[in-house]
Amino acid sequence: MGYESGEAITGQYNTAVGYRSLAAASADVDQCTAIGWQALALADSANDDGSTAIGTGALQNQNATTPGAGNVGVGQYAGSAITTG
C-alpha cells in the first residue's frame, strides 16, 4: 500500500506499506515486513528474506549478498548504512 510499494514483489508473505517500501523486491524476497517511506527499498533477493524495517528509510539500502540477512531496523533511518547484510 503506497505509491510504488512492493511494485516488483514476486516472493511470498511480504508486507509493504509506504512510498517505495520493498520496491525492488523482484527476486523472490520472502517473509519481509517494510513499513515507512523507502523501508527495505533495495532488498531484491532471497538473501534479504525475513527482514523487518519499520520507519522512514529503515534498512533502505540493504541489498544482502549472503544468505540469512534477516535484519531488523526500527526507527527513522535505522540500519540505513547496512548495504550487504
Protein backbone atom coordinates (compact mmCIF):
# COMPACT_ATOMS: atom_id res chain seq x y z
CA MET A 1 0.00 0.00 0.00
CA GLY A 2 1.54 3.30 -1.09
CA TYR A 3 3.00 4.59 -4.35
CA GLU A 4 5.43 2.03 -5.84
CA SER A 5 5.21 0.00 -2.64
CA GLY A 6 6.17 -3.58 -3.42
CA GLU A 7 5.88 -2.85 -7.13
CA ALA A 8 8.16 -5.72 -8.15
CA ILE A 9 7.44 -8.32 -5.47
CA THR A 10 7.45 -11.91 -6.69
CA GLY A 11 8.02 -13.59 -3.31
CA GLN A 12 5.57 -14.67 -0.62
CA TYR A 13 4.38 -13.46 2.78
CA ASN A 14 5.61 -9.87 2.44
CA THR A 15 4.05 -6.73 3.85
CA ALA A 16 4.87 -3.34 2.33
CA VAL A 17 3.30 -0.07 3.46
CA GLY A 18 4.63 3.34 2.44
CA TYR A 19 6.17 5.05 -0.58
CA ARG A 20 8.64 2.66 -2.33
CA SER A 21 8.77 0.21 0.58
CA LEU A 22 10.11 -3.12 -0.72
CA ALA A 23 10.12 -1.53 -4.17
CA ALA A 24 12.96 -3.61 -5.66
CA ALA A 25 11.86 -6.97 -4.22
CA SER A 26 11.77 -8.72 -7.58
CA ALA A 27 13.91 -11.79 -6.99
CA ASP A 28 11.96 -13.95 -4.58
CA VAL A 29 12.19 -11.90 -1.38
CA ASP A 30 10.06 -13.69 1.21
CA GLN A 31 8.73 -13.05 4.71
CA CYS A 32 9.72 -9.37 4.93
CA THR A 33 7.91 -6.51 6.58
CA ALA A 34 8.56 -2.95 5.43
CA ILE A 35 6.57 -0.07 6.89
CA GLY A 36 7.56 3.51 6.09
CA TRP A 37 8.92 5.70 3.31
CA GLN A 38 11.51 3.61 1.38
CA ALA A 39 11.77 0.95 4.09
CA LEU A 40 13.75 -2.00 2.65
CA ALA A 41 13.62 -0.24 -0.72
CA LEU A 42 16.64 -2.02 -2.25
CA ALA A 43 16.10 -5.54 -0.88
CA ASP A 44 15.99 -7.65 -4.02
CA SER A 45 16.99 -11.26 -3.40
CA ALA A 46 16.32 -14.29 -1.24
CA ASN A 47 19.34 -13.16 0.81
CA ASP A 48 17.10 -10.45 2.29
CA ASP A 49 14.44 -12.92 3.49
CA GLY A 50 12.98 -12.39 6.94
CA SER A 51 14.00 -8.76 7.32
CA THR A 52 11.82 -6.23 9.16
CA ALA A 53 12.06 -2.47 8.66
CA ILE A 54 9.78 -0.02 10.42
CA GLY A 55 10.29 3.71 9.99
CA THR A 56 11.25 6.25 7.38
CA GLY A 57 14.23 4.88 5.46
CA ALA A 58 14.73 1.90 7.78
CA LEU A 59 17.11 -0.59 6.12
CA GLN A 60 16.57 1.33 2.89
CA ASN A 61 19.97 0.39 1.42
CA GLN A 62 20.05 -3.28 2.44
CA ASN A 63 20.84 -5.50 -0.52
CA ALA A 64 22.25 -8.62 1.12
CA THR A 65 24.92 -10.57 -0.74
CA THR A 66 24.97 -13.57 1.61
CA PRO A 67 22.02 -15.69 2.78
CA GLY A 68 20.24 -15.08 6.04
CA ALA A 69 20.42 -11.31 6.48
CA GLY A 70 17.18 -11.24 8.49
CA ASN A 71 17.96 -7.77 9.81
CA VAL A 72 15.61 -5.69 11.94
CA GLY A 73 15.57 -1.89 11.81
CA VAL A 74 13.10 0.16 13.85
CA GLY A 75 13.15 3.97 13.73
CA GLN A 76 13.92 6.73 11.29
CA TYR A 77 16.82 5.60 9.04
CA ALA A 78 17.56 2.66 11.37
CA GLY A 79 20.18 0.46 9.71
CA SER A 80 20.23 2.60 6.59
CA ALA A 81 24.02 2.19 6.40
CA ILE A 82 23.67 -1.60 6.08
CA THR A 83 24.22 -2.44 2.44
CA THR A 84 25.33 -6.06 2.19
CA GLY A 85 23.73 -7.99 5.03
